[in-house]
Structure formats: C-alpha cells, structure tokens
Amino acid sequence: MSKYSYEFKKKVVMDYINGKGGYKSLCKENGIPSQTILRDWISAYKEFGNKGLMRSREKKNYSFEFKMHVVELYLTTEVSYRELALSLGINNPPMI
C-alpha cells in the first residue's frame, strides 16, 4: 500500500501550483518528511499530468539494452537522474 494517496498528492501539488506555499511550508503543513518527495510529485505532475501522481499497478520490465542506454545517458550528459527519468517516461526517478 502506498504511503500517500493520489488525492493527497494532488491536493498538495495543486496547493503548490496555486501559490499556497513553498516546498518547505507545504511539507511541514502536510507532514511530508522531505522536500524532495514534493519536488518529485510536482515534476511528475508537470510531465505526466494526473497519471504522474498515480501509483502504477503494472510491473514494467526493462531490457538490458535499455538499462545500459539509461546509464550511458546519465554518465554522458549533465542532467540529473530526476530529469533523465522524466524524459524517458520513467515516473520513479530513484529507480535510475
């Protein structure tokens, strides 16, 4: 079971987008332990819309070639793993 529901994530992300607070204040107000979590939600929402906040029920298998491609991109570019994940359609940046 996911620690945070879709509805909760959407509410906090929309509060941020609507200017009701910054990372620090929204995290404190909503009991989110890390600003990174909120940043990930906002990035996922901006990239994928509502689907970016939903927990995926499907298990994806990535080929060895795809994994190597992702590692090579990470090592040869100046992007963060978060930016790389979003550009490749991976909604879980820590997976990289």
PDB file of N, CA and C in Angstrom:
ATOM      1  N   MET A   1       0.837  -1.184   0.000  1.00  0.00           N
ATOM      2  CA  MET A   1       0.000   0.000   0.000  1.00  0.00           C
ATOM      3  C   MET A   1       0.882   1.248   0.000  1.00  0.00           C
ATOM      4  N   SER A   2       0.514   2.196  -0.806  1.00  0.00           N
ATOM      5  CA  SER A   2       1.249   3.436  -0.914  1.00  0.00           C
ATOM      6  C   SER A   2       1.044   4.285   0.342  1.00  0.00           C
ATOM      7  N   LYS A   3       2.093   4.954   0.758  1.00  0.00           N
ATOM      8  CA  LYS A   3       2.002   5.773   1.962  1.00  0.00           C
ATOM      9  C   LYS A   3       1.102   6.989   1.751  1.00  0.00           C
ATOM     10  N   TYR A   4       1.112   7.537   0.527  1.00  0.00           N
ATOM     11  CA  TYR A   4       0.327   8.721   0.232  1.00  0.00           C
ATOM     12  C   TYR A   4      -0.673   8.404  -0.872  1.00  0.00           C
ATOM     13  N   SER A   5      -1.901   8.798  -0.675  1.00  0.00           N
ATOM     14  CA  SER A   5      -2.936   8.539  -1.675  1.00  0.00           C
ATOM     15  C   SER A   5      -2.798   9.519  -2.836  1.00  0.00           C
ATOM     16  N   TYR A   6      -3.390   9.164  -3.948  1.00  0.00           N
ATOM     17  CA  TYR A   6      -3.419  10.037  -5.116  1.00  0.00           C
ATOM     18  C   TYR A   6      -4.066  11.368  -4.755  1.00  0.00           C
ATOM     19  N   GLU A   7      -5.175  11.316  -4.030  1.00  0.00           N
ATOM     20  CA  GLU A   7      -5.909  12.532  -3.666  1.00  0.00           C
ATOM     21  C   GLU A   7      -5.044  13.474  -2.830  1.00  0.00           C
ATOM     22  N   PHE A   8      -4.295  12.901  -1.892  1.00  0.00           N
ATOM     23  CA  PHE A   8      -3.423  13.695  -1.034  1.00  0.00           C
ATOM     24  C   PHE A   8      -2.328  14.366  -1.873  1.00  0.00           C
ATOM     25  N   LYS A   9      -1.685  13.574  -2.734  1.00  0.00           N
ATOM     26  CA  LYS A   9      -0.621  14.115  -3.582  1.00  0.00           C
ATOM     27  C   LYS A   9      -1.157  15.248  -4.455  1.00  0.00           C
ATOM     28  N   LYS A  10      -2.310  15.018  -5.056  1.00  0.00           N
ATOM     29  CA  LYS A  10      -2.911  16.015  -5.952  1.00  0.00           C
ATOM     30  C   LYS A  10      -3.205  17.305  -5.190  1.00  0.00           C
ATOM     31  N   LYS A  11      -3.742  17.192  -3.975  1.00  0.00           N
ATOM     32  CA  LYS A  11      -4.055  18.368  -3.170  1.00  0.00           C
ATOM     33  C   LYS A  11      -2.794  19.183  -2.886  1.00  0.00           C
ATOM     34  N   VAL A  12      -1.733  18.514  -2.470  1.00  0.00           N
ATOM     35  CA  VAL A  12      -0.501  19.223  -2.118  1.00  0.00           C
ATOM     36  C   VAL A  12       0.135  19.842  -3.366  1.00  0.00           C
ATOM     37  N   VAL A  13       0.157  19.097  -4.461  1.00  0.00           N
ATOM     38  CA  VAL A  13       0.717  19.626  -5.708  1.00  0.00           C
ATOM     39  C   VAL A  13      -0.078  20.840  -6.177  1.00  0.00           C
ATOM     40  N   MET A  14      -1.381  20.762  -6.124  1.00  0.00           N
ATOM     41  CA  MET A  14      -2.213  21.890  -6.555  1.00  0.00           C
ATOM     42  C   MET A  14      -2.032  23.091  -5.632  1.00  0.00           C
ATOM     43  N   ASP A  15      -1.863  22.837  -4.337  1.00  0.00           N
ATOM     44  CA  ASP A  15      -1.576  23.939  -3.409  1.00  0.00           C
ATOM     45  C   ASP A  15      -0.290  24.647  -3.830  1.00  0.00           C
ATOM     46  N   TYR A  16       0.735  23.871  -4.204  1.00  0.00           N
ATOM     47  CA  TYR A  16       1.996  24.461  -4.638  1.00  0.00           C
ATOM     48  C   TYR A  16       1.789  25.259  -5.925  1.00  0.00           C
ATOM     49  N   ILE A  17       1.141  24.647  -6.907  1.00  0.00           N
ATOM     50  CA  ILE A  17       0.934  25.301  -8.201  1.00  0.00           C
ATOM     51  C   ILE A  17       0.108  26.576  -8.050  1.00  0.00           C
ATOM     52  N   ASN A  18      -0.862  26.562  -7.143  1.00  0.00           N
ATOM     53  CA  ASN A  18      -1.727  27.730  -6.926  1.00  0.00           C
ATOM     54  C   ASN A  18      -1.114  28.763  -5.985  1.00  0.00           C
ATOM     55  N   GLY A  19       0.150  28.552  -5.598  1.00  0.00           N
ATOM     56  CA  GLY A  19       0.861  29.543  -4.796  1.00  0.00           C
ATOM     57  C   GLY A  19       0.472  29.591  -3.332  1.00  0.00           C
ATOM     58  N   LYS A  20      -0.060  28.490  -2.812  1.00  0.00           N
ATOM     59  CA  LYS A  20      -0.476  28.476  -1.409  1.00  0.00           C
ATOM     60  C   LYS A  20       0.667  28.148  -0.454  1.00  0.00           C
ATOM     61  N   GLY A  21       1.858  27.985  -0.996  1.00  0.00           N
ATOM     62  CA  GLY A  21       3.015  27.721  -0.161  1.00  0.00           C
ATOM     63  C   GLY A  21       4.171  27.209  -0.987  1.00  0.00           C
ATOM     64  N   GLY A  22       5.342  27.205  -0.361  1.00  0.00           N
ATOM     65  CA  GLY A  22       6.539  26.675  -1.000  1.00  0.00           C
ATOM     66  C   GLY A  22       6.779  25.248  -0.546  1.00  0.00           C
ATOM     67  N   TYR A  23       7.880  24.675  -1.008  1.00  0.00           N
ATOM     68  CA  TYR A  23       8.205  23.293  -0.654  1.00  0.00           C
ATOM     69  C   TYR A  23       8.235  23.091   0.864  1.00  0.00           C
ATOM     70  N   LYS A  24       8.990  23.958   1.520  1.00  0.00           N
ATOM     71  CA  LYS A  24       9.193  23.794   2.963  1.00  0.00           C
ATOM     72  C   LYS A  24       7.892  23.910   3.750  1.00  0.00           C
ATOM     73  N   SER A  25       7.118  24.946   3.469  1.00  0.00           N
ATOM     74  CA  SER A  25       5.896  25.159   4.250  1.00  0.00           C
ATOM     75  C   SER A  25       4.851  24.080   3.962  1.00  0.00           C
ATOM     76  N   LEU A  26       4.714  23.668   2.704  1.00  0.00           N
ATOM     77  CA  LEU A  26       3.728  22.630   2.379  1.00  0.00           C
ATOM     78  C   LEU A  26       4.117  21.281   2.975  1.00  0.00           C
ATOM     79  N   CYS A  27       5.404  20.988   2.979  1.00  0.00           N
ATOM     80  CA  CYS A  27       5.856  19.729   3.591  1.00  0.00           C
ATOM     81  C   CYS A  27       5.567  19.732   5.087  1.00  0.00           C
ATOM     82  N   LYS A  28       5.882  20.829   5.737  1.00  0.00           N
ATOM     83  CA  LYS A  28       5.645  20.930   7.185  1.00  0.00           C
ATOM     84  C   LYS A  28       4.153  20.844   7.493  1.00  0.00           C
ATOM     85  N   GLU A  29       3.350  21.566   6.742  1.00  0.00           N
ATOM     86  CA  GLU A  29       1.904  21.616   6.956  1.00  0.00           C
ATOM     87  C   GLU A  29       1.229  20.256   6.729  1.00  0.00           C
ATOM     88  N   ASN A  30       1.777  19.470   5.800  1.00  0.00           N
ATOM     89  CA  ASN A  30       1.143  18.202   5.434  1.00  0.00           C
ATOM     90  C   ASN A  30       1.871  16.966   5.946  1.00  0.00           C
ATOM     91  N   GLY A  31       2.906  17.167   6.746  1.00  0.00           N
ATOM     92  CA  GLY A  31       3.611  16.036   7.338  1.00  0.00           C
ATOM     93  C   GLY A  31       4.439  15.221   6.354  1.00  0.00           C
ATOM     94  N   ILE A  32       4.943  15.878   5.328  1.00  0.00           N
ATOM     95  CA  ILE A  32       5.798  15.212   4.349  1.00  0.00           C
ATOM     96  C   ILE A  32       7.235  15.399   4.823  1.00  0.00           C
ATOM     97  N   PRO A  33       7.967  14.302   5.047  1.00  0.00           N
ATOM     98  CA  PRO A  33       9.272  14.403   5.695  1.00  0.00           C
ATOM     99  C   PRO A  33      10.387  15.021   4.860  1.00  0.00           C
ATOM    100  N   SER A  34      10.228  15.085   3.534  1.00  0.00           N
ATOM    101  CA  SER A  34      11.311  15.566   2.693  1.00  0.00           C
ATOM    102  C   SER A  34      10.773  16.424   1.552  1.00  0.00           C
ATOM    103  N   GLN A  35      11.439  17.537   1.305  1.00  0.00           N
ATOM    104  CA  GLN A  35      11.052  18.404   0.197  1.00  0.00           C
ATOM    105  C   GLN A  35      11.265  17.703  -1.144  1.00  0.00           C
ATOM    106  N   THR A  36      12.198  16.756  -1.177  1.00  0.00           N
ATOM    107  CA  THR A  36      12.463  16.002  -2.401  1.00  0.00           C
ATOM    108  C   THR A  36      11.236  15.227  -2.845  1.00  0.00           C
ATOM    109  N   ILE A  37      10.500  14.694  -1.904  1.00  0.00           N
ATOM    110  CA  ILE A  37       9.277  13.950  -2.232  1.00  0.00           C
ATOM    111  C   ILE A  37       8.300  14.869  -2.964  1.00  0.00           C
ATOM    112  N   LEU A  38       8.099  16.052  -2.415  1.00  0.00           N
ATOM    113  CA  LEU A  38       7.177  17.010  -3.038  1.00  0.00           C
ATOM    114  C   LEU A  38       7.686  17.453  -4.398  1.00  0.00           C
ATOM    115  N   ARG A  39       8.978  17.692  -4.514  1.00  0.00           N
ATOM    116  CA  ARG A  39       9.560  18.074  -5.805  1.00  0.00           C
ATOM    117  C   ARG A  39       9.305  16.992  -6.862  1.00  0.00           C
ATOM    118  N   ASP A  40       9.466  15.727  -6.458  1.00  0.00           N
ATOM    119  CA  ASP A  40       9.216  14.608  -7.378  1.00  0.00           C
ATOM    120  C   ASP A  40       7.759  14.582  -7.818  1.00  0.00           C
ATOM    121  N   TRP A  41       6.843  14.792  -6.878  1.00  0.00           N
ATOM    122  CA  TRP A  41       5.416  14.804  -7.225  1.00  0.00           C
ATOM    123  C   TRP A  41       5.110  15.921  -8.215  1.00  0.00           C
ATOM    124  N   ILE A  42       5.665  17.098  -7.962  1.00  0.00           N
ATOM    125  CA  ILE A  42       5.408  18.249  -8.834  1.00  0.00           C
ATOM    126  C   ILE A  42       5.986  17.995 -10.226  1.00  0.00           C
ATOM    127  N   SER A  43       7.199  17.480 -10.286  1.00  0.00           N
ATOM    128  CA  SER A  43       7.814  17.167 -11.584  1.00  0.00           C
ATOM    129  C   SER A  43       7.001  16.129 -12.335  1.00  0.00           C
ATOM    130  N   ALA A  44       6.576  15.088 -11.634  1.00  0.00           N
ATOM    131  CA  ALA A  44       5.789  14.027 -12.267  1.00  0.00           C
ATOM    132  C   ALA A  44       4.452  14.577 -12.761  1.00  0.00           C
ATOM    133  N   TYR A  45       3.833  15.447 -11.981  1.00  0.00           N
ATOM    134  CA  TYR A  45       2.558  16.027 -12.382  1.00  0.00           C
ATOM    135  C   TYR A  45       2.735  16.911 -13.624  1.00  0.00           C
ATOM    136  N   LYS A  46       3.778  17.707 -13.627  1.00  0.00           N
ATOM    137  CA  LYS A  46       4.017  18.592 -14.769  1.00  0.00           C
ATOM    138  C   LYS A  46       4.328  17.800 -16.035  1.00  0.00           C
ATOM    139  N   GLU A  47       5.013  16.685 -15.895  1.00  0.00           N
ATOM    140  CA  GLU A  47       5.401  15.884 -17.057  1.00  0.00           C
ATOM    141  C   GLU A  47       4.289  14.959 -17.541  1.00  0.00           C
ATOM    142  N   PHE A  48       3.581  14.315 -16.604  1.00  0.00           N
ATOM    143  CA  PHE A  48       2.615  13.277 -16.963  1.00  0.00           C
ATOM    144  C   PHE A  48       1.171  13.599 -16.603  1.00  0.00           C
ATOM    145  N   GLY A  49       0.930  14.742 -15.949  1.00  0.00           N
ATOM    146  CA  GLY A  49      -0.424  15.076 -15.536  1.00  0.00           C
ATOM    147  C   GLY A  49      -0.862  14.219 -14.357  1.00  0.00           C
ATOM    148  N   ASN A  50      -2.165  13.995 -14.248  1.00  0.00           N
ATOM    149  CA  ASN A  50      -2.697  13.219 -13.121  1.00  0.00           C
ATOM    150  C   ASN A  50      -2.082  11.832 -13.035  1.00  0.00           C
ATOM    151  N   LYS A  51      -1.789  11.250 -14.181  1.00  0.00           N
ATOM    152  CA  LYS A  51      -1.216   9.900 -14.213  1.00  0.00           C
ATOM    153  C   LYS A  51       0.135   9.844 -13.481  1.00  0.00           C
ATOM    154  N   GLY A  52       0.846  10.961 -13.475  1.00  0.00           N
ATOM    155  CA  GLY A  52       2.139  11.022 -12.806  1.00  0.00           C
ATOM    156  C   GLY A  52       2.057  10.881 -11.300  1.00  0.00           C
ATOM    157  N   LEU A  53       0.880  11.128 -10.739  1.00  0.00           N
ATOM    158  CA  LEU A  53       0.708  11.023  -9.285  1.00  0.00           C
ATOM    159  C   LEU A  53       0.118   9.682  -8.861  1.00  0.00           C
ATOM    160  N   MET A  54      -0.344   8.926  -9.829  1.00  0.00           N
ATOM    161  CA  MET A  54      -0.967   7.637  -9.509  1.00  0.00           C
ATOM    162  C   MET A  54       0.090   6.548  -9.375  1.00  0.00           C
ATOM    163  N   ARG A  55      -0.158   5.679  -8.460  1.00  0.00           N
ATOM    164  CA  ARG A  55       0.734   4.542  -8.262  1.00  0.00           C
ATOM    165  C   ARG A  55       0.497   3.546  -9.389  1.00  0.00           C
ATOM    166  N   SER A  56       1.564   3.164 -10.048  1.00  0.00           N
ATOM    167  CA  SER A  56       1.441   2.229 -11.158  1.00  0.00           C
ATOM    168  C   SER A  56       1.244   0.815 -10.623  1.00  0.00           C
ATOM    169  N   ARG A  57       0.253   0.155 -11.127  1.00  0.00           N
ATOM    170  CA  ARG A  57      -0.023  -1.217 -10.722  1.00  0.00           C
ATOM    171  C   ARG A  57       0.655  -2.235 -11.638  1.00  0.00           C
ATOM    172  N   GLU A  58       1.135  -1.740 -12.780  1.00  0.00           N
ATOM    173  CA  GLU A  58       1.759  -2.659 -13.716  1.00  0.00           C
ATOM    174  C   GLU A  58       3.255  -2.717 -13.463  1.00  0.00           C
ATOM    175  N   LYS A  59       3.785  -3.905 -13.506  1.00  0.00           N
ATOM    176  CA  LYS A  59       5.210  -4.092 -13.299  1.00  0.00           C
ATOM    177  C   LYS A  59       5.881  -4.042 -14.662  1.00  0.00           C
ATOM    178  N   LYS A  60       6.783  -3.109 -14.832  1.00  0.00           N
ATOM    179  CA  LYS A  60       7.470  -2.964 -16.101  1.00  0.00           C
ATOM    180  C   LYS A  60       8.801  -3.694 -16.051  1.00  0.00           C
ATOM    181  N   ASN A  61       9.114  -4.349 -17.118  1.00  0.00           N
ATOM    182  CA  ASN A  61      10.415  -4.995 -17.273  1.00  0.00           C
ATOM    183  C   ASN A  61      11.191  -4.238 -18.333  1.00  0.00           C
ATOM    184  N   TYR A  62      12.384  -3.829 -17.983  1.00  0.00           N
ATOM    185  CA  TYR A  62      13.230  -3.100 -18.912  1.00  0.00           C
ATOM    186  C   TYR A  62      14.337  -4.019 -19.399  1.00  0.00           C
ATOM    187  N   SER A  63      14.610  -3.950 -20.693  1.00  0.00           N
ATOM    188  CA  SER A  63      15.652  -4.800 -21.275  1.00  0.00           C
ATOM    189  C   SER A  63      17.026  -4.343 -20.800  1.00  0.00           C
ATOM    190  N   PHE A  64      17.977  -5.230 -20.910  1.00  0.00           N
ATOM    191  CA  PHE A  64      19.355  -4.921 -20.557  1.00  0.00           C
ATOM    192  C   PHE A  64      19.858  -3.743 -21.396  1.00  0.00           C
ATOM    193  N   GLU A  65      19.504  -3.742 -22.680  1.00  0.00           N
ATOM    194  CA  GLU A  65      19.938  -2.681 -23.587  1.00  0.00           C
ATOM    195  C   GLU A  65      19.381  -1.321 -23.140  1.00  0.00           C
ATOM    196  N   PHE A  66      18.116  -1.305 -22.742  1.00  0.00           N
ATOM    197  CA  PHE A  66      17.519  -0.057 -22.277  1.00  0.00           C
ATOM    198  C   PHE A  66      18.222   0.428 -21.010  1.00  0.00           C
ATOM    199  N   LYS A  67      18.490  -0.483 -20.102  1.00  0.00           N
ATOM    200  CA  LYS A  67      19.169  -0.114 -18.862  1.00  0.00           C
ATOM    201  C   LYS A  67      20.559   0.461 -19.147  1.00  0.00           C
ATOM    202  N   MET A  68      21.279  -0.168 -20.057  1.00  0.00           N
ATOM    203  CA  MET A  68      22.610   0.324 -20.421  1.00  0.00           C
ATOM    204  C   MET A  68      22.505   1.709 -21.070  1.00  0.00           C
ATOM    205  N   HIS A  69      21.500   1.889 -21.903  1.00  0.00           N
ATOM    206  CA  HIS A  69      21.275   3.179 -22.555  1.00  0.00           C
ATOM    207  C   HIS A  69      21.035   4.273 -21.503  1.00  0.00           C
ATOM    208  N   VAL A  70      20.231   3.968 -20.510  1.00  0.00           N
ATOM    209  CA  VAL A  70      19.930   4.935 -19.450  1.00  0.00           C
ATOM    210  C   VAL A  70      21.196   5.281 -18.671  1.00  0.00           C
ATOM    211  N   VAL A  71      21.991   4.278 -18.324  1.00  0.00           N
ATOM    212  CA  VAL A  71      23.237   4.516 -17.580  1.00  0.00           C
ATOM    213  C   VAL A  71      24.195   5.366 -18.420  1.00  0.00           C
ATOM    214  N   GLU A  72      24.317   5.048 -19.704  1.00  0.00           N
ATOM    215  CA  GLU A  72      25.200   5.822 -20.581  1.00  0.00           C
ATOM    216  C   GLU A  72      24.732   7.272 -20.697  1.00  0.00           C
ATOM    217  N   LEU A  73      23.431   7.469 -20.826  1.00  0.00           N
ATOM    218  CA  LEU A  73      22.900   8.833 -20.881  1.00  0.00           C
ATOM    219  C   LEU A  73      23.218   9.594 -19.599  1.00  0.00           C
ATOM    220  N   TYR A  74      23.035   8.928 -18.475  1.00  0.00           N
ATOM    221  CA  TYR A  74      23.294   9.593 -17.195  1.00  0.00           C
ATOM    222  C   TYR A  74      24.767   9.996 -17.077  1.00  0.00           C
ATOM    223  N   LEU A  75      25.650   9.095 -17.502  1.00  0.00           N
ATOM    224  CA  LEU A  75      27.085   9.353 -17.355  1.00  0.00           C
ATOM    225  C   LEU A  75      27.613  10.366 -18.369  1.00  0.00           C
ATOM    226  N   THR A  76      26.953  10.511 -19.501  1.00  0.00           N
ATOM    227  CA  THR A  76      27.482  11.375 -20.557  1.00  0.00           C
ATOM    228  C   THR A  76      26.752  12.714 -20.699  1.00  0.00           C
ATOM    229  N   THR A  77      25.715  12.912 -19.934  1.00  0.00           N
ATOM    230  CA  THR A  77      25.004  14.184 -20.009  1.00  0.00           C
ATOM    231  C   THR A  77      25.076  14.892 -18.670  1.00  0.00           C
ATOM    232  N   GLU A  78      24.633  16.108 -18.653  1.00  0.00           N
ATOM    233  CA  GLU A  78      24.686  16.926 -17.442  1.00  0.00           C
ATOM    234  C   GLU A  78      23.330  17.012 -16.751  1.00  0.00           C
ATOM    235  N   VAL A  79      22.455  16.044 -17.009  1.00  0.00           N
ATOM    236  CA  VAL A  79      21.129  16.092 -16.406  1.00  0.00           C
ATOM    237  C   VAL A  79      21.100  15.266 -15.127  1.00  0.00           C
ATOM    238  N   SER A  80      20.188  15.632 -14.252  1.00  0.00           N
ATOM    239  CA  SER A  80      20.022  14.869 -13.018  1.00  0.00           C
ATOM    240  C   SER A  80      19.271  13.577 -13.327  1.00  0.00           C
ATOM    241  N   TYR A  81      19.329  12.626 -12.422  1.00  0.00           N
ATOM    242  CA  TYR A  81      18.599  11.386 -12.649  1.00  0.00           C
ATOM    243  C   TYR A  81      17.101  11.644 -12.694  1.00  0.00           C
ATOM    244  N   ARG A  82      16.629  12.672 -11.975  1.00  0.00           N
ATOM    245  CA  ARG A  82      15.212  13.030 -11.999  1.00  0.00           C
ATOM    246  C   ARG A  82      14.805  13.508 -13.394  1.00  0.00           C
ATOM    247  N   GLU A  83      15.598  14.409 -13.966  1.00  0.00           N
ATOM    248  CA  GLU A  83      15.309  14.910 -15.308  1.00  0.00           C
ATOM    249  C   GLU A  83      15.402  13.803 -16.347  1.00  0.00           C
ATOM    250  N   LEU A  84      16.386  12.945 -16.202  1.00  0.00           N
ATOM    251  CA  LEU A  84      16.560  11.833 -17.132  1.00  0.00           C
ATOM    252  C   LEU A  84      15.370  10.878 -17.065  1.00  0.00           C
ATOM    253  N   ALA A  85      14.964  10.541 -15.861  1.00  0.00           N
ATOM    254  CA  ALA A  85      13.829   9.626 -15.692  1.00  0.00           C
ATOM    255  C   ALA A  85      12.581  10.199 -16.342  1.00  0.00           C
ATOM    256  N   LEU A  86      12.298  11.452 -16.094  1.00  0.00           N
ATOM    257  CA  LEU A  86      11.103  12.062 -16.662  1.00  0.00           C
ATOM    258  C   LEU A  86      11.174  12.132 -18.182  1.00  0.00           C
ATOM    259  N   SER A  87      12.362  12.409 -18.718  1.00  0.00           N
ATOM    260  CA  SER A  87      12.496  12.487 -20.174  1.00  0.00           C
ATOM    261  C   SER A  87      12.307  11.127 -20.836  1.00  0.00           C
ATOM    262  N   LEU A  88      12.558  10.052 -20.093  1.00  0.00           N
ATOM    263  CA  LEU A  88      12.403   8.695 -20.631  1.00  0.00           C
ATOM    264  C   LEU A  88      11.049   8.082 -20.288  1.00  0.00           C
ATOM    265  N   GLY A  89      10.208   8.843 -19.598  1.00  0.00           N
ATOM    266  CA  GLY A  89       8.884   8.339 -19.252  1.00  0.00           C
ATOM    267  C   GLY A  89       8.881   7.436 -18.035  1.00  0.00           C
ATOM    268  N   ILE A  90       9.930   7.516 -17.227  1.00  0.00           N
ATOM    269  CA  ILE A  90      10.010   6.726 -16.001  1.00  0.00           C
ATOM    270  C   ILE A  90       9.499   7.607 -14.868  1.00  0.00           C
ATOM    271  N   ASN A  91       8.430   7.176 -14.224  1.00  0.00           N
ATOM    272  CA  ASN A  91       7.784   8.004 -13.213  1.00  0.00           C
ATOM    273  C   ASN A  91       8.405   7.844 -11.830  1.00  0.00           C
ATOM    274  N   ASN A  92       9.432   7.014 -11.701  1.00  0.00           N
ATOM    275  CA  ASN A  92      10.058   6.761 -10.420  1.00  0.00           C
ATOM    276  C   ASN A  92      11.556   7.054 -10.550  1.00  0.00           C
ATOM    277  N   PRO A  93      11.967   8.320 -10.420  1.00  0.00           N
ATOM    278  CA  PRO A  93      13.379   8.686 -10.634  1.00  0.00           C
ATOM    279  C   PRO A  93      14.389   7.879  -9.826  1.00  0.00           C
ATOM    280  N   PRO A  94      14.119   7.523  -8.558  1.00  0.00           N
ATOM    281  CA  PRO A  94      15.116   6.745  -7.820  1.00  0.00           C
ATOM    282  C   PRO A  94      15.405   5.371  -8.450  1.00  0.00           C
ATOM    283  N   MET A  95      14.544   4.920  -9.340  1.00  0.00           N
ATOM    284  CA  MET A  95      14.786   3.645  -9.994  1.00  0.00           C
ATOM    285  C   MET A  95      16.096   3.686 -10.782  1.00  0.00           C
ATOM    286  N   ILE A  96      16.446   4.872 -11.285  1.00  0.00           N
ATOM    287  CA  ILE A  96      17.698   5.011 -12.040  1.00  0.00           C
ATOM    288  C   ILE A  96      18.872   4.868 -11.093  1.00  0.00           C
TER     289      ILE A  96
END
